Amino acid sequence: MTKEYYIKNMVCDRCIKVVRNELNAEGVHTLEVILGRVIIDTEDEVSDKRKLNKVLAENGFILISSPEAVFSEAVKIELIKLLKKLPLKTEGTLSNFLSDHLNTDYSKISKLFSITEKITIEKYFIKLKIEKVKELIQSQEYNFTEISQLLDYNNMNYLSRQFKNETGMSLTEYKGLNENFRNSLDQIL
């Protein structure tokens, strides 16, 4: 029997690899593992679900079952995937992007996300973008202007103000630290 489970805090390809490898090591036959979801082929659902919960707990993931939490996690995953492809292009507004990708009216998406996560989608996306800015600064491949263009900011000053509001330091101060002060994407809220 095929069973689908939804997982909170899966934010990258390494998460997929960890879940797949750990489940296979436990003898759980995985059919598909993608961000936020695993599909298994099971003959003993109780045993396999127990193994799944064990693997998830050991690796900082959480099994989610409420439709609201599943939907909210889908929003996060779409935003994280959006930031993987630079330069950032939403083909219109962020609301249109999410509506198109989730096949749901944005007002419903926004309301459900805000209730479930206690933060607006826009504020959450800003936090994601700031973490991406930190990653790009640390890579030392781009200057601040290029980073602002890659992340679709109207100008570098707007990025700079937003960065300072979120981190309490300027872009230059952050770059001068030469240390990794990035937040894990699964911890952003």
C-alpha atoms as a PDB file:
ATOM      1  CA  MET A   1       0.000   0.000   0.000  1.00  0.00           C
ATOM      2  CA  THR A   2       1.258   3.478  -0.877  1.00  0.00           C
ATOM      3  CA  LYS A   3       1.177   6.085   1.893  1.00  0.00           C
ATOM      4  CA  GLU A   4       1.990   9.796   1.670  1.00  0.00           C
ATOM      5  CA  TYR A   5       3.284  11.824   4.621  1.00  0.00           C
ATOM      6  CA  TYR A   6       3.974  15.536   4.955  1.00  0.00           C
ATOM      7  CA  ILE A   7       7.066  16.791   6.736  1.00  0.00           C
ATOM      8  CA  LYS A   8       7.841  20.144   8.347  1.00  0.00           C
ATOM      9  CA  ASN A   9      11.309  21.748   8.169  1.00  0.00           C
ATOM     10  CA  MET A  10      12.587  20.132   4.959  1.00  0.00           C
ATOM     11  CA  VAL A  11      14.280  23.071   3.257  1.00  0.00           C
ATOM     12  CA  CYS A  12      17.035  21.778   0.995  1.00  0.00           C
ATOM     13  CA  ASP A  13      18.348  18.921  -1.107  1.00  0.00           C
ATOM     14  CA  ARG A  14      20.400  17.636   1.851  1.00  0.00           C
ATOM     15  CA  CYS A  15      17.162  17.260   3.820  1.00  0.00           C
ATOM     16  CA  ILE A  16      15.780  15.079   1.052  1.00  0.00           C
ATOM     17  CA  LYS A  17      18.939  12.978   1.015  1.00  0.00           C
ATOM     18  CA  VAL A  18      18.960  12.545   4.799  1.00  0.00           C
ATOM     19  CA  VAL A  19      15.312  11.484   4.959  1.00  0.00           C
ATOM     20  CA  ARG A  20      15.684   9.088   2.023  1.00  0.00           C
ATOM     21  CA  ASN A  21      18.896   7.504   3.308  1.00  0.00           C
ATOM     22  CA  GLU A  22      17.721   7.223   6.911  1.00  0.00           C
ATOM     23  CA  LEU A  23      14.396   5.682   5.934  1.00  0.00           C
ATOM     24  CA  ASN A  24      16.095   3.200   3.631  1.00  0.00           C
ATOM     25  CA  ALA A  25      18.505   2.295   6.444  1.00  0.00           C
ATOM     26  CA  GLU A  26      15.465   1.590   8.645  1.00  0.00           C
ATOM     27  CA  GLY A  27      14.071  -0.704   5.962  1.00  0.00           C
ATOM     28  CA  VAL A  28      11.280   1.647   4.884  1.00  0.00           C
ATOM     29  CA  HIS A  29      10.698   1.422   1.119  1.00  0.00           C
ATOM     30  CA  THR A  30      10.574   5.024  -0.124  1.00  0.00           C
ATOM     31  CA  LEU A  31       9.006   5.681  -3.488  1.00  0.00           C
ATOM     32  CA  GLU A  32       9.558   9.438  -3.523  1.00  0.00           C
ATOM     33  CA  VAL A  33      11.106  12.049  -1.253  1.00  0.00           C
ATOM     34  CA  ILE A  34      10.709  15.710  -2.140  1.00  0.00           C
ATOM     35  CA  LEU A  35      10.729  18.884  -0.076  1.00  0.00           C
ATOM     36  CA  GLY A  36       8.026  18.526   2.539  1.00  0.00           C
ATOM     37  CA  ARG A  37       6.765  15.114   1.492  1.00  0.00           C
ATOM     38  CA  VAL A  38       7.607  11.424   1.436  1.00  0.00           C
ATOM     39  CA  ILE A  39       5.738   8.612  -0.254  1.00  0.00           C
ATOM     40  CA  ILE A  40       6.404   5.106   0.979  1.00  0.00           C
ATOM     41  CA  ASP A  41       5.329   1.647  -0.076  1.00  0.00           C
ATOM     42  CA  THR A  42       4.281  -0.101   3.102  1.00  0.00           C
ATOM     43  CA  GLU A  43       2.957  -3.454   4.124  1.00  0.00           C
ATOM     44  CA  ASP A  44       3.051  -2.629   7.839  1.00  0.00           C
ATOM     45  CA  GLU A  45       1.803   0.936   8.145  1.00  0.00           C
ATOM     46  CA  VAL A  46       2.071   1.108  11.943  1.00  0.00           C
ATOM     47  CA  SER A  47       5.689  -0.090  11.988  1.00  0.00           C
ATOM     48  CA  ASP A  48       6.745   2.087   9.051  1.00  0.00           C
ATOM     49  CA  LYS A  49       5.078   5.173  10.535  1.00  0.00           C
ATOM     50  CA  ARG A  50       6.898   4.541  13.826  1.00  0.00           C
ATOM     51  CA  LYS A  51      10.203   4.283  11.914  1.00  0.00           C
ATOM     52  CA  LEU A  52       9.345   7.434   9.966  1.00  0.00           C
ATOM     53  CA  ASN A  53       8.634   9.362  13.172  1.00  0.00           C
ATOM     54  CA  LYS A  54      11.913   8.126  14.673  1.00  0.00           C
ATOM     55  CA  VAL A  55      13.941   9.209  11.624  1.00  0.00           C
ATOM     56  CA  LEU A  56      12.230  12.586  11.489  1.00  0.00           C
ATOM     57  CA  ALA A  57      12.689  13.272  15.204  1.00  0.00           C
ATOM     58  CA  GLU A  58      16.379  12.321  15.079  1.00  0.00           C
ATOM     59  CA  ASN A  59      16.979  14.741  12.211  1.00  0.00           C
ATOM     60  CA  GLY A  60      14.978  17.787  13.286  1.00  0.00           C
ATOM     61  CA  PHE A  61      11.917  17.189  11.141  1.00  0.00           C
ATOM     62  CA  ILE A  62       8.300  16.887  12.206  1.00  0.00           C
ATOM     63  CA  LEU A  63       5.477  14.863  10.715  1.00  0.00           C
ATOM     64  CA  ILE A  64       2.516  17.125  10.007  1.00  0.00           C
ATOM     65  CA  SER A  65      -1.038  16.063   9.386  1.00  0.00           C
ATOM     66  CA  SER A  66      -3.369  19.033   9.735  1.00  0.00           C
ATOM     67  CA  PRO A  67      -4.426  20.363   6.320  1.00  0.00           C
ATOM     68  CA  GLU A  68      -3.621  23.930   7.420  1.00  0.00           C
ATOM     69  CA  ALA A  69      -0.063  23.050   8.452  1.00  0.00           C
ATOM     70  CA  VAL A  70       0.461  21.037   5.259  1.00  0.00           C
ATOM     71  CA  PHE A  71      -0.712  23.987   3.162  1.00  0.00           C
ATOM     72  CA  SER A  72       1.416  26.455   5.104  1.00  0.00           C
ATOM     73  CA  GLU A  73       4.460  24.248   4.599  1.00  0.00           C
ATOM     74  CA  ALA A  74       3.688  24.147   0.861  1.00  0.00           C
ATOM     75  CA  VAL A  75       3.826  27.962   0.805  1.00  0.00           C
ATOM     76  CA  LYS A  76       7.238  27.917   2.502  1.00  0.00           C
ATOM     77  CA  ILE A  77       8.548  25.314   0.085  1.00  0.00           C
ATOM     78  CA  GLU A  78       7.413  27.336  -2.951  1.00  0.00           C
ATOM     79  CA  LEU A  79       9.172  30.431  -1.594  1.00  0.00           C
ATOM     80  CA  ILE A  80      12.358  28.507  -0.807  1.00  0.00           C
ATOM     81  CA  LYS A  81      12.362  26.966  -4.293  1.00  0.00           C
ATOM     82  CA  LEU A  82      11.812  30.430  -5.781  1.00  0.00           C
ATOM     83  CA  LEU A  83      14.988  31.708  -4.112  1.00  0.00           C
ATOM     84  CA  LYS A  84      17.081  28.819  -5.445  1.00  0.00           C
ATOM     85  CA  LYS A  85      16.943  30.191  -8.994  1.00  0.00           C
ATOM     86  CA  LEU A  86      18.721  33.499  -9.369  1.00  0.00           C
ATOM     87  CA  PRO A  87      18.093  36.063 -10.660  1.00  0.00           C
ATOM     88  CA  LEU A  88      14.794  36.073  -8.811  1.00  0.00           C
ATOM     89  CA  LYS A  89      11.840  36.200 -11.183  1.00  0.00           C
ATOM     90  CA  THR A  90       8.248  35.925  -9.999  1.00  0.00           C
ATOM     91  CA  GLU A  91       6.561  36.696 -13.347  1.00  0.00           C
ATOM     92  CA  GLY A  92       4.524  39.407 -11.666  1.00  0.00           C
ATOM     93  CA  THR A  93       3.748  39.797  -8.009  1.00  0.00           C
ATOM     94  CA  LEU A  94       4.530  37.343  -5.237  1.00  0.00           C
ATOM     95  CA  SER A  95       0.809  36.910  -4.687  1.00  0.00           C
ATOM     96  CA  ASN A  96       0.298  35.914  -8.343  1.00  0.00           C
ATOM     97  CA  PHE A  97       3.250  33.537  -8.139  1.00  0.00           C
ATOM     98  CA  LEU A  98       1.845  31.746  -5.097  1.00  0.00           C
ATOM     99  CA  SER A  99      -1.701  31.683  -6.459  1.00  0.00           C
ATOM    100  CA  ASP A 100      -0.463  30.098  -9.687  1.00  0.00           C
ATOM    101  CA  HIS A 101       1.793  27.540  -7.997  1.00  0.00           C
ATOM    102  CA  LEU A 102      -0.700  26.531  -5.310  1.00  0.00           C
ATOM    103  CA  ASN A 103      -3.853  26.848  -7.449  1.00  0.00           C
ATOM    104  CA  THR A 104      -5.556  28.828  -4.710  1.00  0.00           C
ATOM    105  CA  ASP A 105      -6.757  32.401  -4.310  1.00  0.00           C
ATOM    106  CA  TYR A 106      -4.070  34.514  -2.660  1.00  0.00           C
ATOM    107  CA  SER A 107      -6.390  35.896   0.017  1.00  0.00           C
ATOM    108  CA  LYS A 108      -6.989  32.339   1.238  1.00  0.00           C
ATOM    109  CA  ILE A 109      -3.258  31.517   1.056  1.00  0.00           C
ATOM    110  CA  SER A 110      -2.329  34.668   2.965  1.00  0.00           C
ATOM    111  CA  LYS A 111      -4.960  34.252   5.670  1.00  0.00           C
ATOM    112  CA  LEU A 112      -4.179  30.585   6.289  1.00  0.00           C
ATOM    113  CA  PHE A 113      -0.414  31.218   6.366  1.00  0.00           C
ATOM    114  CA  SER A 114      -0.733  34.135   8.786  1.00  0.00           C
ATOM    115  CA  ILE A 115      -2.952  32.164  11.154  1.00  0.00           C
ATOM    116  CA  THR A 116      -0.774  29.047  11.043  1.00  0.00           C
ATOM    117  CA  GLU A 117       2.662  30.693  11.157  1.00  0.00           C
ATOM    118  CA  LYS A 118       1.895  33.916  13.075  1.00  0.00           C
ATOM    119  CA  ILE A 119       3.692  35.961  10.405  1.00  0.00           C
ATOM    120  CA  THR A 120       2.635  37.346   7.033  1.00  0.00           C
ATOM    121  CA  ILE A 121       3.900  35.772   3.835  1.00  0.00           C
ATOM    122  CA  GLU A 122       5.587  39.049   2.903  1.00  0.00           C
ATOM    123  CA  LYS A 123       7.523  39.243   6.184  1.00  0.00           C
ATOM    124  CA  TYR A 124       8.480  35.577   5.914  1.00  0.00           C
ATOM    125  CA  PHE A 125       9.726  36.112   2.355  1.00  0.00           C
ATOM    126  CA  ILE A 126      11.782  39.125   3.445  1.00  0.00           C
ATOM    127  CA  LYS A 127      13.437  36.957   6.107  1.00  0.00           C
ATOM    128  CA  LEU A 128      14.202  34.305   3.478  1.00  0.00           C
ATOM    129  CA  LYS A 129      15.657  36.918   1.138  1.00  0.00           C
ATOM    130  CA  ILE A 130      17.867  38.325   3.899  1.00  0.00           C
ATOM    131  CA  GLU A 131      19.269  34.839   4.553  1.00  0.00           C
ATOM    132  CA  LYS A 132      19.950  34.552   0.825  1.00  0.00           C
ATOM    133  CA  VAL A 133      21.723  37.920   0.939  1.00  0.00           C
ATOM    134  CA  LYS A 134      23.935  36.607   3.763  1.00  0.00           C
ATOM    135  CA  GLU A 135      24.710  33.498   1.722  1.00  0.00           C
ATOM    136  CA  LEU A 136      25.638  35.592  -1.330  1.00  0.00           C
ATOM    137  CA  ILE A 137      27.812  37.936   0.752  1.00  0.00           C
ATOM    138  CA  GLN A 138      29.684  34.970   2.190  1.00  0.00           C
ATOM    139  CA  SER A 139      30.228  33.480  -1.261  1.00  0.00           C
ATOM    140  CA  GLN A 140      32.107  36.680  -2.197  1.00  0.00           C
ATOM    141  CA  GLU A 141      31.043  36.244  -5.832  1.00  0.00           C
ATOM    142  CA  TYR A 142      28.902  39.380  -6.012  1.00  0.00           C
ATOM    143  CA  ASN A 143      29.039  42.969  -4.839  1.00  0.00           C
ATOM    144  CA  PHE A 144      26.087  44.529  -3.027  1.00  0.00           C
ATOM    145  CA  THR A 145      24.600  46.048  -6.181  1.00  0.00           C
ATOM    146  CA  GLU A 146      24.719  42.705  -7.979  1.00  0.00           C
ATOM    147  CA  ILE A 147      23.122  40.989  -4.981  1.00  0.00           C
ATOM    148  CA  SER A 148      20.293  43.531  -4.941  1.00  0.00           C
ATOM    149  CA  GLN A 149      19.720  42.935  -8.666  1.00  0.00           C
ATOM    150  CA  LEU A 150      19.808  39.138  -8.272  1.00  0.00           C
ATOM    151  CA  LEU A 151      17.137  39.337  -5.573  1.00  0.00           C
ATOM    152  CA  ASP A 152      14.955  41.764  -7.548  1.00  0.00           C
ATOM    153  CA  TYR A 153      15.318  44.783  -5.268  1.00  0.00           C
ATOM    154  CA  ASN A 154      14.506  48.107  -6.947  1.00  0.00           C
ATOM    155  CA  ASN A 155      17.783  49.525  -5.714  1.00  0.00           C
ATOM    156  CA  MET A 156      20.670  48.772  -3.404  1.00  0.00           C
ATOM    157  CA  ASN A 157      19.519  51.321  -0.799  1.00  0.00           C
ATOM    158  CA  TYR A 158      16.233  49.460  -0.341  1.00  0.00           C
ATOM    159  CA  LEU A 159      18.115  46.193   0.201  1.00  0.00           C
ATOM    160  CA  SER A 160      20.466  47.922   2.611  1.00  0.00           C
ATOM    161  CA  ARG A 161      17.603  49.353   4.693  1.00  0.00           C
ATOM    162  CA  GLN A 162      15.785  46.033   4.765  1.00  0.00           C
ATOM    163  CA  PHE A 163      18.965  44.175   5.726  1.00  0.00           C
ATOM    164  CA  LYS A 164      19.648  46.601   8.586  1.00  0.00           C
ATOM    165  CA  ASN A 165      16.038  46.326   9.828  1.00  0.00           C
ATOM    166  CA  GLU A 166      16.245  42.527   9.899  1.00  0.00           C
ATOM    167  CA  THR A 167      19.783  42.022  11.197  1.00  0.00           C
ATOM    168  CA  GLY A 168      20.592  45.209  13.089  1.00  0.00           C
ATOM    169  CA  MET A 169      23.745  45.737  11.026  1.00  0.00           C
ATOM    170  CA  SER A 170      24.663  47.147   7.650  1.00  0.00           C
ATOM    171  CA  LEU A 171      25.692  45.017   4.693  1.00  0.00           C
ATOM    172  CA  THR A 172      29.275  46.213   5.100  1.00  0.00           C
ATOM    173  CA  GLU A 173      29.311  45.399   8.814  1.00  0.00           C
ATOM    174  CA  TYR A 174      28.014  41.909   8.096  1.00  0.00           C
ATOM    175  CA  LYS A 175      30.578  41.349   5.364  1.00  0.00           C
ATOM    176  CA  GLY A 176      33.333  42.495   7.713  1.00  0.00           C
ATOM    177  CA  LEU A 177      32.444  39.886  10.312  1.00  0.00           C
ATOM    178  CA  ASN A 178      33.859  37.060   8.172  1.00  0.00           C
ATOM    179  CA  GLU A 179      31.723  34.651  10.161  1.00  0.00           C
ATOM    180  CA  ASN A 180      28.615  32.665   9.420  1.00  0.00           C
ATOM    181  CA  PHE A 181      25.702  34.327  11.197  1.00  0.00           C
ATOM    182  CA  ARG A 182      23.077  32.781   8.961  1.00  0.00           C
ATOM    183  CA  ASN A 183      19.869  31.314  10.275  1.00  0.00           C
ATOM    184  CA  SER A 184      18.768  27.905   9.142  1.00  0.00           C
ATOM    185  CA  LEU A 185      15.790  28.232   6.788  1.00  0.00           C
ATOM    186  CA  ASP A 186      13.747  25.852   8.915  1.00  0.00           C
ATOM    187  CA  GLN A 187      14.210  28.210  11.883  1.00  0.00           C
ATOM    188  CA  ILE A 188      12.910  31.333  10.170  1.00  0.00           C
ATOM    189  CA  LEU A 189       9.753  32.725  11.727  1.00  0.00           C
END
